[in-house]
Amino acid sequence: MSEGKDRLLAQMKDAEGAVYVLISGFTKEPYVECDKETYDDKVFVYMEEEAAKAKAEALKEEKIPVGAAKILSGHMLLFFTNLYTMGVNALEIHYEDKVDLIQIDEFAKRREDPQLEEGKQWIENPQLHLTALYYAQEMRKQPNPQPDEKTSELLEELLADFKRGKYILALQKEEKGVPLAKLKDGQMYQPIFTDALEFQKFNRENKFRPVAADADKLAVLVAPEAKGVVLNIMSLNLPFNLNRKPAVPAEGDGGEKKSETV
């Protein structure tokens, strides 16, 4: 067992324990990087607050806005387990002047077959979620986003993942209708969600009920007045235009500028 893992487990068991995780200002979710040596998709965990803040400042110098979020011991297991829904598989743990890379499944196991009520489905899109995180982090750090080789490859992967996905749509409980959001381009988009956790972020007041929909059904199911859908509006906030045939991502910095339907 690595020392970093030992330190993390000790903090999880300590009633007053805490760690600090880097959160992206572009996605409002953990900042993700692909490890250059192992190719693990990792998030950054710090034992000391000052070290986390120092890394955040260094990233800001690179035009990458991040913050250091404090995770208390009672919330750690849930936080780390939830990373599975984002496609993240590793933690880069920083303590003193040392760094350890550990796999999440070494200490936080996920349930492979969640027990659900009859007629309900468990929906996750970890590969799509992960690709969308990388895409948003890259595109939004540009003042006037222009696709380059890296973002074009991510976009191609994102489209493929999107077309294979199954999503959660929100329907109003008390009256007929669906929620719509006006983005900064002035157009209306209907929220969709990659998983139950993202749906609950939106449904904190319990006004909506979830409905599952395959990607190829969105053009029919989405409200006709909506230009498209917006994925995980409370975090990623990534719009996809619909031409009532295939779905394609809205170009630019995540919906802040008007874009053409492809």
Protein backbone atom coordinates (compact mmCIF):
# COMPACT_ATOMS: atom_id res chain seq x y z
CA MET A 1 0.00 0.00 0.00
CA SER A 2 1.35 3.44 -0.93
CA GLU A 3 1.91 6.12 1.66
CA GLY A 4 -0.50 8.38 -0.21
CA LYS A 5 -3.24 5.79 0.05
CA ASP A 6 -2.47 5.36 3.77
CA ARG A 7 -2.75 9.12 4.27
CA LEU A 8 -6.06 9.28 2.41
CA LEU A 9 -7.59 6.38 4.34
CA ALA A 10 -6.46 7.99 7.61
CA GLN A 11 -8.26 11.20 6.68
CA MET A 12 -11.39 9.26 5.74
CA LYS A 13 -11.44 7.55 9.15
CA ASP A 14 -10.74 10.74 11.12
CA ALA A 15 -13.98 12.44 12.16
CA GLU A 16 -12.29 15.82 11.59
CA GLY A 17 -10.32 14.73 8.52
CA ALA A 18 -10.38 16.64 5.24
CA VAL A 19 -8.70 16.76 1.85
CA TYR A 20 -8.68 19.41 -0.89
CA VAL A 21 -9.67 18.71 -4.49
CA LEU A 22 -9.16 20.92 -7.54
CA ILE A 23 -12.46 22.01 -9.14
CA SER A 24 -12.54 23.40 -12.67
CA GLY A 25 -14.02 26.85 -13.16
CA PHE A 26 -15.03 25.78 -16.67
CA THR A 27 -17.13 22.78 -15.68
CA LYS A 28 -17.85 23.19 -11.93
CA GLU A 29 -16.65 19.59 -11.60
CA PRO A 30 -13.30 18.08 -10.55
CA TYR A 31 -10.45 19.23 -12.77
CA VAL A 32 -9.35 16.22 -14.85
CA GLU A 33 -6.09 15.41 -16.56
CA CYS A 34 -4.80 12.38 -18.44
CA ASP A 35 -1.59 11.15 -16.79
CA LYS A 36 1.27 11.44 -19.28
CA GLU A 37 2.93 8.21 -18.16
CA THR A 38 0.07 5.85 -17.27
CA TYR A 39 -2.77 7.46 -19.29
CA ASP A 40 -5.01 7.28 -16.23
CA ASP A 41 -7.81 9.83 -16.10
CA LYS A 42 -7.10 11.49 -12.76
CA VAL A 43 -8.20 14.21 -10.38
CA PHE A 44 -5.94 16.03 -7.92
CA VAL A 45 -6.19 15.48 -4.16
CA TYR A 46 -4.15 17.45 -1.61
CA MET A 47 -3.61 16.81 2.07
CA GLU A 48 -2.69 20.44 2.74
CA GLU A 49 -4.85 23.40 1.75
CA GLU A 50 -1.88 25.63 0.93
CA ALA A 51 -0.52 23.11 -1.56
CA ALA A 52 -3.90 22.90 -3.29
CA LYS A 53 -4.12 26.70 -3.50
CA ALA A 54 -0.58 26.91 -4.88
CA LYS A 55 -1.47 24.45 -7.67
CA ALA A 56 -4.63 26.39 -8.39
CA GLU A 57 -2.63 29.60 -8.78
CA ALA A 58 -0.15 27.86 -11.09
CA LEU A 59 -2.98 26.63 -13.31
CA LYS A 60 -4.52 30.10 -13.42
CA GLU A 61 -1.24 31.36 -14.85
CA GLU A 62 -1.91 28.94 -17.72
CA LYS A 63 -5.40 30.41 -18.21
CA ILE A 64 -6.98 27.41 -16.47
CA PRO A 65 -9.25 28.64 -13.66
CA VAL A 66 -9.60 26.17 -10.80
CA GLY A 67 -10.43 26.36 -7.12
CA ALA A 68 -9.60 24.19 -4.13
CA ALA A 69 -12.68 22.56 -2.60
CA LYS A 70 -12.56 21.10 0.91
CA ILE A 71 -14.00 17.60 1.22
CA LEU A 72 -14.76 16.50 4.78
CA SER A 73 -14.23 12.91 5.90
CA GLY A 74 -17.95 12.14 6.03
CA HIS A 75 -18.34 13.08 2.35
CA MET A 76 -15.14 11.59 0.93
CA LEU A 77 -16.34 8.09 0.08
CA LEU A 78 -19.40 9.42 -1.75
CA PHE A 79 -17.30 12.02 -3.57
CA PHE A 80 -14.73 9.48 -4.75
CA THR A 81 -17.34 6.90 -5.68
CA ASN A 82 -19.20 9.50 -7.75
CA LEU A 83 -16.07 9.93 -9.88
CA TYR A 84 -16.97 6.64 -11.54
CA THR A 85 -19.92 8.34 -13.24
CA MET A 86 -17.46 10.85 -14.76
CA GLY A 87 -15.18 8.16 -16.17
CA VAL A 88 -12.37 9.08 -13.75
CA ASN A 89 -10.32 6.14 -12.51
CA ALA A 90 -7.39 7.56 -10.52
CA LEU A 91 -6.36 10.08 -7.87
CA GLU A 92 -3.10 11.99 -7.84
CA ILE A 93 -2.48 12.43 -4.12
CA HIS A 94 -0.16 15.19 -2.90
CA TYR A 95 1.24 15.16 0.64
CA GLU A 96 4.27 16.98 2.00
CA ASP A 97 6.59 17.01 -1.04
CA LYS A 98 5.46 13.64 -2.38
CA VAL A 99 3.01 12.50 -5.04
CA ASP A 100 1.29 9.12 -5.40
CA LEU A 101 -1.05 7.96 -8.15
CA ILE A 102 -3.63 5.44 -6.96
CA GLN A 103 -6.61 3.76 -8.55
CA ILE A 104 -10.00 4.68 -7.11
CA ASP A 105 -11.06 1.04 -7.01
CA GLU A 106 -8.27 0.33 -4.51
CA PHE A 107 -10.39 1.86 -1.75
CA ALA A 108 -13.80 2.84 -3.17
CA LYS A 109 -15.72 0.06 -4.88
CA ARG A 110 -18.74 0.74 -7.05
CA ARG A 111 -21.87 -1.35 -7.21
CA GLU A 112 -21.91 -3.09 -10.57
CA ASP A 113 -25.63 -3.91 -10.44
CA PRO A 114 -27.56 -1.26 -8.49
CA GLN A 115 -30.84 -2.57 -7.08
CA LEU A 116 -33.67 -0.63 -8.71
CA GLU A 117 -37.43 -0.75 -8.49
CA GLU A 118 -39.17 -2.68 -11.23
CA GLY A 119 -39.49 -0.68 -14.42
CA LYS A 120 -36.65 1.72 -13.59
CA GLN A 121 -33.29 1.98 -15.33
CA TRP A 122 -29.80 2.86 -14.10
CA ILE A 123 -28.36 5.43 -16.49
CA GLU A 124 -24.71 6.46 -16.68
CA ASN A 125 -22.56 7.80 -19.51
CA PRO A 126 -19.05 7.80 -18.01
CA GLN A 127 -17.14 7.90 -21.30
CA LEU A 128 -19.28 10.73 -22.66
CA HIS A 129 -19.02 12.60 -19.36
CA LEU A 130 -15.23 12.29 -19.36
CA THR A 131 -14.84 13.37 -22.98
CA ALA A 132 -17.17 16.32 -22.36
CA LEU A 133 -15.03 17.39 -19.38
CA TYR A 134 -11.86 17.35 -21.47
CA TYR A 135 -13.59 19.12 -24.37
CA ALA A 136 -15.01 21.88 -22.17
CA GLN A 137 -11.70 22.39 -20.33
CA GLU A 138 -9.87 22.82 -23.65
CA MET A 139 -12.37 24.94 -25.56
CA ARG A 140 -13.30 27.30 -22.76
CA LYS A 141 -9.76 28.37 -21.96
CA GLN A 142 -9.67 30.17 -25.32
CA PRO A 143 -11.08 33.73 -25.44
CA ASN A 144 -12.43 33.06 -28.94
CA PRO A 145 -12.56 29.28 -29.18
CA GLN A 146 -11.23 27.84 -32.42
CA PRO A 147 -10.96 24.09 -32.97
CA ASP A 148 -7.41 22.79 -33.25
CA GLU A 149 -6.14 19.25 -33.74
CA LYS A 150 -6.66 18.32 -30.10
CA THR A 151 -10.16 19.76 -29.73
CA SER A 152 -11.19 18.40 -33.14
CA GLU A 153 -10.26 14.90 -31.99
CA LEU A 154 -12.17 15.42 -28.74
CA LEU A 155 -15.16 16.71 -30.69
CA GLU A 156 -15.18 13.64 -32.91
CA GLU A 157 -15.02 11.38 -29.86
CA LEU A 158 -17.70 13.44 -28.12
CA LEU A 159 -20.09 13.08 -31.05
CA ALA A 160 -19.59 9.33 -31.17
CA ASP A 161 -20.16 9.01 -27.41
CA PHE A 162 -23.22 11.26 -27.55
CA LYS A 163 -24.90 9.21 -30.27
CA ARG A 164 -24.46 6.02 -28.23
CA GLY A 165 -25.86 7.52 -25.04
CA LYS A 166 -29.03 7.10 -23.03
CA TYR A 167 -30.07 10.19 -21.04
CA ILE A 168 -32.39 11.45 -18.34
CA LEU A 169 -34.96 14.09 -19.29
CA ALA A 170 -36.91 16.09 -16.71
CA LEU A 171 -40.70 16.31 -16.80
CA GLN A 172 -42.71 18.57 -14.52
CA LYS A 173 -44.59 16.72 -11.79
CA GLU A 174 -47.50 19.04 -11.08
CA GLU A 175 -48.34 20.18 -14.59
CA LYS A 176 -47.58 19.16 -18.13
CA GLY A 177 -44.42 20.45 -19.71
CA VAL A 178 -40.65 20.35 -19.59
CA PRO A 179 -38.08 22.83 -18.26
CA LEU A 180 -36.31 24.98 -20.83
CA ALA A 181 -33.27 27.18 -20.39
CA LYS A 182 -32.33 30.30 -22.33
CA LEU A 183 -28.57 30.33 -22.88
CA LYS A 184 -26.40 33.32 -23.65
CA ASP A 185 -27.01 32.96 -27.37
CA GLY A 186 -30.67 33.77 -26.61
CA GLN A 187 -31.90 30.39 -27.78
CA MET A 188 -33.92 27.90 -25.73
CA TYR A 189 -32.45 24.50 -24.84
CA GLN A 190 -33.92 21.56 -22.96
CA PRO A 191 -31.78 20.11 -20.14
CA ILE A 192 -30.72 16.47 -20.32
CA PHE A 193 -28.53 14.58 -17.86
CA THR A 194 -25.87 11.89 -18.05
CA ASP A 195 -26.85 10.24 -14.76
CA ALA A 196 -29.02 10.44 -11.65
CA LEU A 197 -26.48 12.54 -9.75
CA GLU A 198 -26.59 15.28 -12.37
CA PHE A 199 -30.39 15.11 -12.48
CA GLN A 200 -30.56 15.57 -8.68
CA LYS A 201 -28.38 18.69 -8.87
CA PHE A 202 -31.08 20.18 -11.09
CA ASN A 203 -34.03 18.71 -9.18
CA ARG A 204 -33.16 19.89 -5.66
CA GLU A 205 -36.69 21.15 -5.09
CA ASN A 206 -38.18 17.86 -6.33
CA LYS A 207 -40.33 19.52 -8.99
CA PHE A 208 -39.46 17.10 -11.78
CA ARG A 209 -39.55 13.40 -12.51
CA PRO A 210 -36.91 11.60 -14.60
CA VAL A 211 -37.61 9.93 -17.93
CA ALA A 212 -35.05 7.86 -19.87
CA ALA A 213 -34.40 8.54 -23.55
CA ASP A 214 -31.95 7.17 -26.10
CA ALA A 215 -29.92 9.68 -28.09
CA ASP A 216 -31.66 8.78 -31.34
CA LYS A 217 -35.04 9.67 -29.80
CA LEU A 218 -34.09 13.17 -28.63
CA ALA A 219 -35.04 14.86 -31.88
CA VAL A 220 -38.61 13.61 -31.38
CA LEU A 221 -38.87 13.96 -27.59
CA VAL A 222 -37.30 17.39 -27.09
CA ALA A 223 -39.73 20.32 -27.03
CA PRO A 224 -40.23 21.74 -30.55
CA GLU A 225 -39.44 25.28 -29.38
CA ALA A 226 -35.99 24.18 -28.18
CA LYS A 227 -33.04 24.66 -30.51
CA GLY A 228 -31.38 21.67 -28.86
CA VAL A 229 -30.38 20.14 -25.56
CA VAL A 230 -27.98 21.24 -22.85
CA LEU A 231 -26.04 18.49 -21.14
CA ASN A 232 -25.73 18.64 -17.31
CA ILE A 233 -26.78 22.27 -17.05
CA MET A 234 -25.71 22.61 -13.40
CA SER A 235 -22.10 21.66 -14.14
CA LEU A 236 -20.87 21.08 -17.70
CA ASN A 237 -23.60 23.25 -19.23
CA LEU A 238 -22.70 21.93 -22.68
CA PRO A 239 -25.29 22.62 -25.42
CA PHE A 240 -25.96 20.42 -28.44
CA ASN A 241 -27.92 21.79 -31.35
CA LEU A 242 -30.63 19.57 -32.87
CA ASN A 243 -31.53 19.70 -36.53
CA ARG A 244 -34.24 17.12 -35.75
CA LYS A 245 -31.95 14.53 -37.30
CA PRO A 246 -28.55 13.92 -35.64
CA ALA A 247 -27.41 15.90 -32.57
CA VAL A 248 -24.24 17.95 -32.84
CA PRO A 249 -22.40 20.01 -30.20
CA ALA A 250 -22.83 23.74 -30.31
CA GLU A 251 -19.48 25.17 -31.29
CA GLY A 252 -17.69 27.73 -29.18
CA ASP A 253 -17.23 28.01 -25.46
CA GLY A 254 -20.11 25.89 -24.20
CA GLY A 255 -23.09 27.86 -25.39
CA GLU A 256 -22.02 31.41 -24.59
CA LYS A 257 -22.01 32.31 -28.29
CA LYS A 258 -24.49 31.51 -31.02
CA SER A 259 -23.43 28.73 -33.36
CA GLU A 260 -24.68 27.09 -36.53
CA THR A 261 -26.39 23.73 -36.66
CA VAL A 262 -24.24 21.22 -38.50
